[in-house]
């Protein structure tokens, strides 16, 4: 049940810190072997993954969904992409460098650090002696003591929703059979032109952003306890 999930999550911060680095290392090494990441990109991914997975299970899962889905889509139609865009792929998956990894995930990693700091401050304010042994997940609440933490979570999810939408649109939109149009003027442009959009690319963008939101929602349903029942209105006497 969700209550058992919640009890199991206690103390998860310390456990996640001990598991996050090995998991990030394994994931990055696998991506490096497959050509999805360059050597510098793999090192950057270890940092990004370790921080996000330590901050929160949900935030870490959002990152993994973005990375896994984007890496898969980068391989789709790679020969045609190279032909249309006039670029040479270094290998399957685009061989992303540290600059590309940090461009996509640097801001979100800072948000994950902020999540760790704010969550620790919240638990200390609540009287917890060991904040790192407290639950890693918190329900969104835009009023009260959890407001800042909730805003950071929302900003993190929105960041990866936008990043995933952009990546999916770029990787699939260039394969559209319909000629793309410049988003500013509507003029027809060649596939791969910056600012060019197509129905396939727009659809992929919508699906990518939606996937991140659904992932975050489902992980919350699994990890968070049921919402407390609303208080019954006080009875009045005549």
C-alpha atoms as a PDB file:
ATOM      1  CA  UNK A   1       0.000   0.000   0.000  1.00  0.00           C
ATOM      2  CA  UNK A   2       0.990   3.621  -0.263  1.00  0.00           C
ATOM      3  CA  UNK A   3       1.363   3.772   3.519  1.00  0.00           C
ATOM      4  CA  UNK A   4       4.022   1.067   3.373  1.00  0.00           C
ATOM      5  CA  UNK A   5       5.752   2.980   0.560  1.00  0.00           C
ATOM      6  CA  UNK A   6       5.729   6.040   2.800  1.00  0.00           C
ATOM      7  CA  UNK A   7       7.208   4.219   5.794  1.00  0.00           C
ATOM      8  CA  UNK A   8       9.853   2.678   3.555  1.00  0.00           C
ATOM      9  CA  UNK A   9      10.771   6.141   2.271  1.00  0.00           C
ATOM     10  CA  UNK A  10      11.837   7.255   5.752  1.00  0.00           C
ATOM     11  CA  UNK A  11      15.576   7.352   5.895  1.00  0.00           C
ATOM     12  CA  UNK A  12      15.644   7.249   2.105  1.00  0.00           C
ATOM     13  CA  UNK A  13      17.759  10.369   1.720  1.00  0.00           C
ATOM     14  CA  UNK A  14      20.831   8.685   3.194  1.00  0.00           C
ATOM     15  CA  UNK A  15      20.097   5.466   1.310  1.00  0.00           C
ATOM     16  CA  UNK A  16      19.632   7.374  -1.927  1.00  0.00           C
ATOM     17  CA  UNK A  17      22.925   9.170  -1.415  1.00  0.00           C
ATOM     18  CA  UNK A  18      24.655   5.789  -1.122  1.00  0.00           C
ATOM     19  CA  UNK A  19      22.866   4.373  -4.162  1.00  0.00           C
ATOM     20  CA  UNK A  20      22.701   7.430  -6.404  1.00  0.00           C
ATOM     21  CA  UNK A  21      26.388   7.580  -7.338  1.00  0.00           C
ATOM     22  CA  UNK A  22      26.705   3.890  -8.352  1.00  0.00           C
ATOM     23  CA  UNK A  23      23.447   4.089 -10.301  1.00  0.00           C
ATOM     24  CA  UNK A  24      24.575   7.263 -12.057  1.00  0.00           C
ATOM     25  CA  UNK A  25      27.949   5.663 -12.824  1.00  0.00           C
ATOM     26  CA  UNK A  26      26.368   2.541 -14.315  1.00  0.00           C
ATOM     27  CA  UNK A  27      23.857   4.521 -16.379  1.00  0.00           C
ATOM     28  CA  UNK A  28      26.492   6.942 -17.675  1.00  0.00           C
ATOM     29  CA  UNK A  29      28.966   4.154 -18.468  1.00  0.00           C
ATOM     30  CA  UNK A  30      26.313   2.306 -20.445  1.00  0.00           C
ATOM     31  CA  UNK A  31      25.428   5.464 -22.355  1.00  0.00           C
ATOM     32  CA  UNK A  32      29.126   6.048 -23.069  1.00  0.00           C
ATOM     33  CA  UNK A  33      29.559   2.529 -24.441  1.00  0.00           C
ATOM     34  CA  UNK A  34      26.521   2.956 -26.684  1.00  0.00           C
ATOM     35  CA  UNK A  35      27.802   6.300 -27.961  1.00  0.00           C
ATOM     36  CA  UNK A  36      25.018   8.388 -26.424  1.00  0.00           C
ATOM     37  CA  UNK A  37      27.598  10.328 -24.384  1.00  0.00           C
ATOM     38  CA  UNK A  38      31.192  11.359 -24.919  1.00  0.00           C
ATOM     39  CA  UNK A  39      33.692  10.879 -22.097  1.00  0.00           C
ATOM     40  CA  UNK A  40      33.144  14.393 -20.789  1.00  0.00           C
ATOM     41  CA  UNK A  41      29.400  13.982 -21.208  1.00  0.00           C
ATOM     42  CA  UNK A  42      29.448  10.787 -19.151  1.00  0.00           C
ATOM     43  CA  UNK A  43      31.334  12.509 -16.329  1.00  0.00           C
ATOM     44  CA  UNK A  44      28.851  15.380 -16.350  1.00  0.00           C
ATOM     45  CA  UNK A  45      25.965  12.904 -16.351  1.00  0.00           C
ATOM     46  CA  UNK A  46      27.359  11.222 -13.222  1.00  0.00           C
ATOM     47  CA  UNK A  47      27.251  14.564 -11.407  1.00  0.00           C
ATOM     48  CA  UNK A  48      23.774  15.455 -12.666  1.00  0.00           C
ATOM     49  CA  UNK A  49      22.338  12.026 -11.935  1.00  0.00           C
ATOM     50  CA  UNK A  50      23.877  11.716  -8.479  1.00  0.00           C
ATOM     51  CA  UNK A  51      22.501  15.046  -7.312  1.00  0.00           C
ATOM     52  CA  UNK A  52      19.008  14.563  -8.740  1.00  0.00           C
ATOM     53  CA  UNK A  53      18.615  10.991  -7.479  1.00  0.00           C
ATOM     54  CA  UNK A  54      19.775  12.009  -4.011  1.00  0.00           C
ATOM     55  CA  UNK A  55      17.392  14.953  -3.875  1.00  0.00           C
ATOM     56  CA  UNK A  56      14.223  12.975  -4.552  1.00  0.00           C
ATOM     57  CA  UNK A  57      13.038   9.714  -6.060  1.00  0.00           C
ATOM     58  CA  UNK A  58      10.527  11.573  -8.209  1.00  0.00           C
ATOM     59  CA  UNK A  59      13.037  14.133  -9.438  1.00  0.00           C
ATOM     60  CA  UNK A  60      15.532  11.391 -10.237  1.00  0.00           C
ATOM     61  CA  UNK A  61      12.923   9.427 -12.190  1.00  0.00           C
ATOM     62  CA  UNK A  62      12.018  12.524 -14.202  1.00  0.00           C
ATOM     63  CA  UNK A  63      15.688  12.899 -15.177  1.00  0.00           C
ATOM     64  CA  UNK A  64      15.990   9.223 -16.126  1.00  0.00           C
ATOM     65  CA  UNK A  65      12.853   9.367 -18.283  1.00  0.00           C
ATOM     66  CA  UNK A  66      14.174  12.443 -20.095  1.00  0.00           C
ATOM     67  CA  UNK A  67      17.594  10.914 -20.703  1.00  0.00           C
ATOM     68  CA  UNK A  68      16.401   7.443 -21.727  1.00  0.00           C
ATOM     69  CA  UNK A  69      13.690   8.667 -24.090  1.00  0.00           C
ATOM     70  CA  UNK A  70      15.864  11.333 -25.695  1.00  0.00           C
ATOM     71  CA  UNK A  71      18.748   8.905 -26.226  1.00  0.00           C
ATOM     72  CA  UNK A  72      16.416   6.423 -27.928  1.00  0.00           C
ATOM     73  CA  UNK A  73      14.903   9.062 -30.206  1.00  0.00           C
ATOM     74  CA  UNK A  74      18.311  10.411 -31.196  1.00  0.00           C
ATOM     75  CA  UNK A  75      19.014   7.073 -32.893  1.00  0.00           C
ATOM     76  CA  UNK A  76      15.756   7.111 -34.861  1.00  0.00           C
ATOM     77  CA  UNK A  77      16.501   7.922 -38.505  1.00  0.00           C
ATOM     78  CA  UNK A  78      20.113   8.874 -37.760  1.00  0.00           C
ATOM     79  CA  UNK A  79      21.226   8.337 -41.372  1.00  0.00           C
ATOM     80  CA  UNK A  80      18.494  10.562 -42.738  1.00  0.00           C
ATOM     81  CA  UNK A  81      19.179  13.204 -40.102  1.00  0.00           C
ATOM     82  CA  UNK A  82      22.847  13.292 -41.062  1.00  0.00           C
ATOM     83  CA  UNK A  83      21.906  13.648 -44.711  1.00  0.00           C
ATOM     84  CA  UNK A  84      19.309  16.362 -44.159  1.00  0.00           C
ATOM     85  CA  UNK A  85      21.243  18.380 -41.624  1.00  0.00           C
ATOM     86  CA  UNK A  86      24.660  17.908 -43.184  1.00  0.00           C
ATOM     87  CA  UNK A  87      26.231  16.708 -39.966  1.00  0.00           C
ATOM     88  CA  UNK A  88      28.303  13.623 -39.180  1.00  0.00           C
ATOM     89  CA  UNK A  89      27.081  11.590 -36.240  1.00  0.00           C
ATOM     90  CA  UNK A  90      29.927  10.442 -34.023  1.00  0.00           C
ATOM     91  CA  UNK A  91      27.934   7.334 -33.254  1.00  0.00           C
ATOM     92  CA  UNK A  92      24.467   6.207 -32.255  1.00  0.00           C
ATOM     93  CA  UNK A  93      22.812   8.614 -29.881  1.00  0.00           C
ATOM     94  CA  UNK A  94      24.662  11.765 -30.893  1.00  0.00           C
ATOM     95  CA  UNK A  95      27.696  11.412 -28.573  1.00  0.00           C
ATOM     96  CA  UNK A  96      26.635  14.315 -26.353  1.00  0.00           C
ATOM     97  CA  UNK A  97      29.411  16.250 -24.636  1.00  0.00           C
ATOM     98  CA  UNK A  98      29.541  17.747 -21.147  1.00  0.00           C
ATOM     99  CA  UNK A  99      28.513  21.114 -22.585  1.00  0.00           C
ATOM    100  CA  UNK A 100      25.350  19.590 -24.047  1.00  0.00           C
ATOM    101  CA  UNK A 101      24.571  17.646 -20.870  1.00  0.00           C
ATOM    102  CA  UNK A 102      24.948  20.720 -18.674  1.00  0.00           C
ATOM    103  CA  UNK A 103      23.038  22.909 -21.135  1.00  0.00           C
ATOM    104  CA  UNK A 104      20.073  20.557 -20.799  1.00  0.00           C
ATOM    105  CA  UNK A 105      20.426  19.694 -17.111  1.00  0.00           C
ATOM    106  CA  UNK A 106      22.603  22.293 -15.379  1.00  0.00           C
ATOM    107  CA  UNK A 107      19.765  24.533 -14.191  1.00  0.00           C
ATOM    108  CA  UNK A 108      17.718  21.545 -13.054  1.00  0.00           C
ATOM    109  CA  UNK A 109      20.690  20.220 -11.087  1.00  0.00           C
ATOM    110  CA  UNK A 110      20.889  23.528  -9.210  1.00  0.00           C
ATOM    111  CA  UNK A 111      17.166  23.179  -8.481  1.00  0.00           C
ATOM    112  CA  UNK A 112      17.817  19.680  -7.124  1.00  0.00           C
ATOM    113  CA  UNK A 113      20.467  21.133  -4.796  1.00  0.00           C
ATOM    114  CA  UNK A 114      17.951  23.773  -3.690  1.00  0.00           C
ATOM    115  CA  UNK A 115      15.442  20.978  -3.054  1.00  0.00           C
ATOM    116  CA  UNK A 116      17.934  19.231  -0.766  1.00  0.00           C
ATOM    117  CA  UNK A 117      18.686  22.431   1.154  1.00  0.00           C
ATOM    118  CA  UNK A 118      15.043  23.475   1.547  1.00  0.00           C
ATOM    119  CA  UNK A 119      13.919  20.000   2.558  1.00  0.00           C
ATOM    120  CA  UNK A 120      16.657  19.835   5.181  1.00  0.00           C
ATOM    121  CA  UNK A 121      15.651  23.252   6.521  1.00  0.00           C
ATOM    122  CA  UNK A 122      12.004  22.174   6.659  1.00  0.00           C
ATOM    123  CA  UNK A 123      12.769  19.001   8.616  1.00  0.00           C
ATOM    124  CA  UNK A 124      15.064  20.854  11.012  1.00  0.00           C
ATOM    125  CA  UNK A 125      12.373  23.468  11.616  1.00  0.00           C
ATOM    126  CA  UNK A 126       9.954  20.633  12.365  1.00  0.00           C
ATOM    127  CA  UNK A 127      12.316  19.336  15.049  1.00  0.00           C
ATOM    128  CA  UNK A 128      13.978  16.473  13.173  1.00  0.00           C
ATOM    129  CA  UNK A 129      17.398  15.682  14.626  1.00  0.00           C
ATOM    130  CA  UNK A 130      18.629  13.953  11.481  1.00  0.00           C
ATOM    131  CA  UNK A 131      17.015  15.618   8.463  1.00  0.00           C
ATOM    132  CA  UNK A 132      18.766  13.178   6.133  1.00  0.00           C
ATOM    133  CA  UNK A 133      16.772  10.337   7.727  1.00  0.00           C
ATOM    134  CA  UNK A 134      13.437  11.971   6.934  1.00  0.00           C
ATOM    135  CA  UNK A 135      11.193  11.257   3.902  1.00  0.00           C
ATOM    136  CA  UNK A 136      12.531  12.510   0.581  1.00  0.00           C
ATOM    137  CA  UNK A 137       9.135  13.208  -0.954  1.00  0.00           C
ATOM    138  CA  UNK A 138       6.766  16.046  -0.111  1.00  0.00           C
ATOM    139  CA  UNK A 139       3.285  16.814  -1.352  1.00  0.00           C
ATOM    140  CA  UNK A 140       2.939  19.996  -3.390  1.00  0.00           C
ATOM    141  CA  UNK A 141       1.586  22.801  -1.236  1.00  0.00           C
ATOM    142  CA  UNK A 142       1.735  26.420  -2.340  1.00  0.00           C
ATOM    143  CA  UNK A 143       0.913  27.844   1.054  1.00  0.00           C
ATOM    144  CA  UNK A 144       2.575  27.322   4.398  1.00  0.00           C
ATOM    145  CA  UNK A 145       6.066  25.980   5.118  1.00  0.00           C
ATOM    146  CA  UNK A 146       6.242  23.772   2.009  1.00  0.00           C
ATOM    147  CA  UNK A 147       5.638  26.606  -0.458  1.00  0.00           C
ATOM    148  CA  UNK A 148       9.289  27.206  -1.410  1.00  0.00           C
ATOM    149  CA  UNK A 149       9.996  23.470  -1.668  1.00  0.00           C
ATOM    150  CA  UNK A 150       6.918  22.974  -3.856  1.00  0.00           C
ATOM    151  CA  UNK A 151       7.925  25.813  -6.174  1.00  0.00           C
ATOM    152  CA  UNK A 152      11.373  24.253  -6.603  1.00  0.00           C
ATOM    153  CA  UNK A 153       9.806  20.878  -7.435  1.00  0.00           C
ATOM    154  CA  UNK A 154       7.467  22.491  -9.942  1.00  0.00           C
ATOM    155  CA  UNK A 155      10.318  24.436 -11.555  1.00  0.00           C
ATOM    156  CA  UNK A 156      12.360  21.219 -11.865  1.00  0.00           C
ATOM    157  CA  UNK A 157       9.525  19.328 -13.531  1.00  0.00           C
ATOM    158  CA  UNK A 158       8.744  22.243 -15.863  1.00  0.00           C
ATOM    159  CA  UNK A 159      12.419  22.448 -16.829  1.00  0.00           C
ATOM    160  CA  UNK A 160      12.542  18.829 -17.925  1.00  0.00           C
ATOM    161  CA  UNK A 161       9.117  19.011 -19.546  1.00  0.00           C
ATOM    162  CA  UNK A 162      10.408  21.848 -21.747  1.00  0.00           C
ATOM    163  CA  UNK A 163      13.757  20.146 -22.365  1.00  0.00           C
ATOM    164  CA  UNK A 164      12.113  16.856 -23.297  1.00  0.00           C
ATOM    165  CA  UNK A 165       9.596  18.609 -25.539  1.00  0.00           C
ATOM    166  CA  UNK A 166      12.397  20.468 -27.325  1.00  0.00           C
ATOM    167  CA  UNK A 167      14.542  17.346 -27.747  1.00  0.00           C
ATOM    168  CA  UNK A 168      11.684  15.211 -29.043  1.00  0.00           C
ATOM    169  CA  UNK A 169      10.638  17.940 -31.467  1.00  0.00           C
ATOM    170  CA  UNK A 170      14.201  18.282 -32.764  1.00  0.00           C
ATOM    171  CA  UNK A 171      14.832  14.564 -33.136  1.00  0.00           C
ATOM    172  CA  UNK A 172      11.506  13.621 -34.753  1.00  0.00           C
ATOM    173  CA  UNK A 173      10.458  16.851 -36.438  1.00  0.00           C
ATOM    174  CA  UNK A 174      13.353  16.703 -38.890  1.00  0.00           C
ATOM    175  CA  UNK A 175      11.955  13.386 -40.166  1.00  0.00           C
ATOM    176  CA  UNK A 176       8.560  14.871 -41.025  1.00  0.00           C
ATOM    177  CA  UNK A 177       7.367  14.298 -44.590  1.00  0.00           C
ATOM    178  CA  UNK A 178       5.540  17.611 -44.488  1.00  0.00           C
ATOM    179  CA  UNK A 179       7.888  20.539 -45.203  1.00  0.00           C
ATOM    180  CA  UNK A 180       8.594  22.600 -42.079  1.00  0.00           C
ATOM    181  CA  UNK A 181       7.619  26.242 -41.807  1.00  0.00           C
ATOM    182  CA  UNK A 182       9.468  29.024 -40.059  1.00  0.00           C
ATOM    183  CA  UNK A 183       7.676  29.693 -36.798  1.00  0.00           C
ATOM    184  CA  UNK A 184       8.075  33.468 -37.122  1.00  0.00           C
ATOM    185  CA  UNK A 185       6.857  34.032 -40.695  1.00  0.00           C
ATOM    186  CA  UNK A 186       5.316  30.743 -41.813  1.00  0.00           C
ATOM    187  CA  UNK A 187       7.667  30.521 -44.792  1.00  0.00           C
ATOM    188  CA  UNK A 188       8.708  27.074 -46.031  1.00  0.00           C
ATOM    189  CA  UNK A 189      12.237  26.111 -44.957  1.00  0.00           C
ATOM    190  CA  UNK A 190      14.506  23.098 -45.314  1.00  0.00           C
ATOM    191  CA  UNK A 191      14.342  20.342 -42.657  1.00  0.00           C
ATOM    192  CA  UNK A 192      16.786  21.023 -39.847  1.00  0.00           C
ATOM    193  CA  UNK A 193      16.546  24.817 -40.159  1.00  0.00           C
ATOM    194  CA  UNK A 194      16.539  26.584 -36.791  1.00  0.00           C
ATOM    195  CA  UNK A 195      13.045  27.851 -36.069  1.00  0.00           C
ATOM    196  CA  UNK A 196      11.393  25.452 -38.495  1.00  0.00           C
ATOM    197  CA  UNK A 197       8.353  23.565 -37.181  1.00  0.00           C
ATOM    198  CA  UNK A 198       6.303  20.708 -38.585  1.00  0.00           C
ATOM    199  CA  UNK A 199       3.159  18.848 -37.488  1.00  0.00           C
ATOM    200  CA  UNK A 200       5.264  15.842 -36.498  1.00  0.00           C
ATOM    201  CA  UNK A 201       7.632  17.995 -34.473  1.00  0.00           C
ATOM    202  CA  UNK A 202       4.812  19.807 -32.689  1.00  0.00           C
ATOM    203  CA  UNK A 203       3.121  16.510 -31.871  1.00  0.00           C
ATOM    204  CA  UNK A 204       6.375  15.057 -30.572  1.00  0.00           C
ATOM    205  CA  UNK A 205       6.913  18.165 -28.455  1.00  0.00           C
ATOM    206  CA  UNK A 206       3.483  17.792 -26.868  1.00  0.00           C
ATOM    207  CA  UNK A 207       4.041  14.097 -26.134  1.00  0.00           C
ATOM    208  CA  UNK A 208       7.493  14.694 -24.636  1.00  0.00           C
ATOM    209  CA  UNK A 209       6.302  17.352 -22.211  1.00  0.00           C
ATOM    210  CA  UNK A 210       3.249  15.288 -21.293  1.00  0.00           C
ATOM    211  CA  UNK A 211       5.391  12.233 -20.561  1.00  0.00           C
ATOM    212  CA  UNK A 212       7.389  14.134 -17.936  1.00  0.00           C
ATOM    213  CA  UNK A 213       4.239  15.397 -16.228  1.00  0.00           C
ATOM    214  CA  UNK A 214       2.691  11.927 -16.185  1.00  0.00           C
ATOM    215  CA  UNK A 215       5.904  10.408 -14.792  1.00  0.00           C
ATOM    216  CA  UNK A 216       6.011  12.924 -11.939  1.00  0.00           C
ATOM    217  CA  UNK A 217       2.310  12.419 -11.180  1.00  0.00           C
ATOM    218  CA  UNK A 218       2.494   8.613 -11.131  1.00  0.00           C
ATOM    219  CA  UNK A 219       5.596   8.572  -8.931  1.00  0.00           C
ATOM    220  CA  UNK A 220       3.801  10.873  -6.510  1.00  0.00           C
ATOM    221  CA  UNK A 221       0.822   8.519  -6.417  1.00  0.00           C
ATOM    222  CA  UNK A 222       3.143   5.634  -5.601  1.00  0.00           C
ATOM    223  CA  UNK A 223       5.333   7.342  -3.007  1.00  0.00           C
ATOM    224  CA  UNK A 224       3.114   9.820  -1.200  1.00  0.00           C
ATOM    225  CA  UNK A 225       0.604   8.828   1.483  1.00  0.00           C
ATOM    226  CA  UNK A 226      -3.098   9.414   0.795  1.00  0.00           C
ATOM    227  CA  UNK A 227      -4.173  12.992   1.334  1.00  0.00           C
ATOM    228  CA  UNK A 228      -5.659  13.521   4.803  1.00  0.00           C
ATOM    229  CA  UNK A 229      -9.459  13.741   4.829  1.00  0.00           C
ATOM    230  CA  UNK A 230     -10.930  17.201   4.864  1.00  0.00           C
ATOM    231  CA  UNK A 231     -12.016  18.358   8.279  1.00  0.00           C
ATOM    232  CA  UNK A 232     -15.755  18.153   8.821  1.00  0.00           C
ATOM    233  CA  UNK A 233     -17.452  21.521   9.367  1.00  0.00           C
ATOM    234  CA  UNK A 234     -18.176  22.293  12.973  1.00  0.00           C
ATOM    235  CA  UNK A 235     -21.748  21.617  13.999  1.00  0.00           C
ATOM    236  CA  UNK A 236     -23.798  24.639  14.916  1.00  0.00           C
ATOM    237  CA  UNK A 237     -26.485  24.727  17.510  1.00  0.00           C
ATOM    238  CA  UNK A 238     -29.594  26.770  17.267  1.00  0.00           C
END
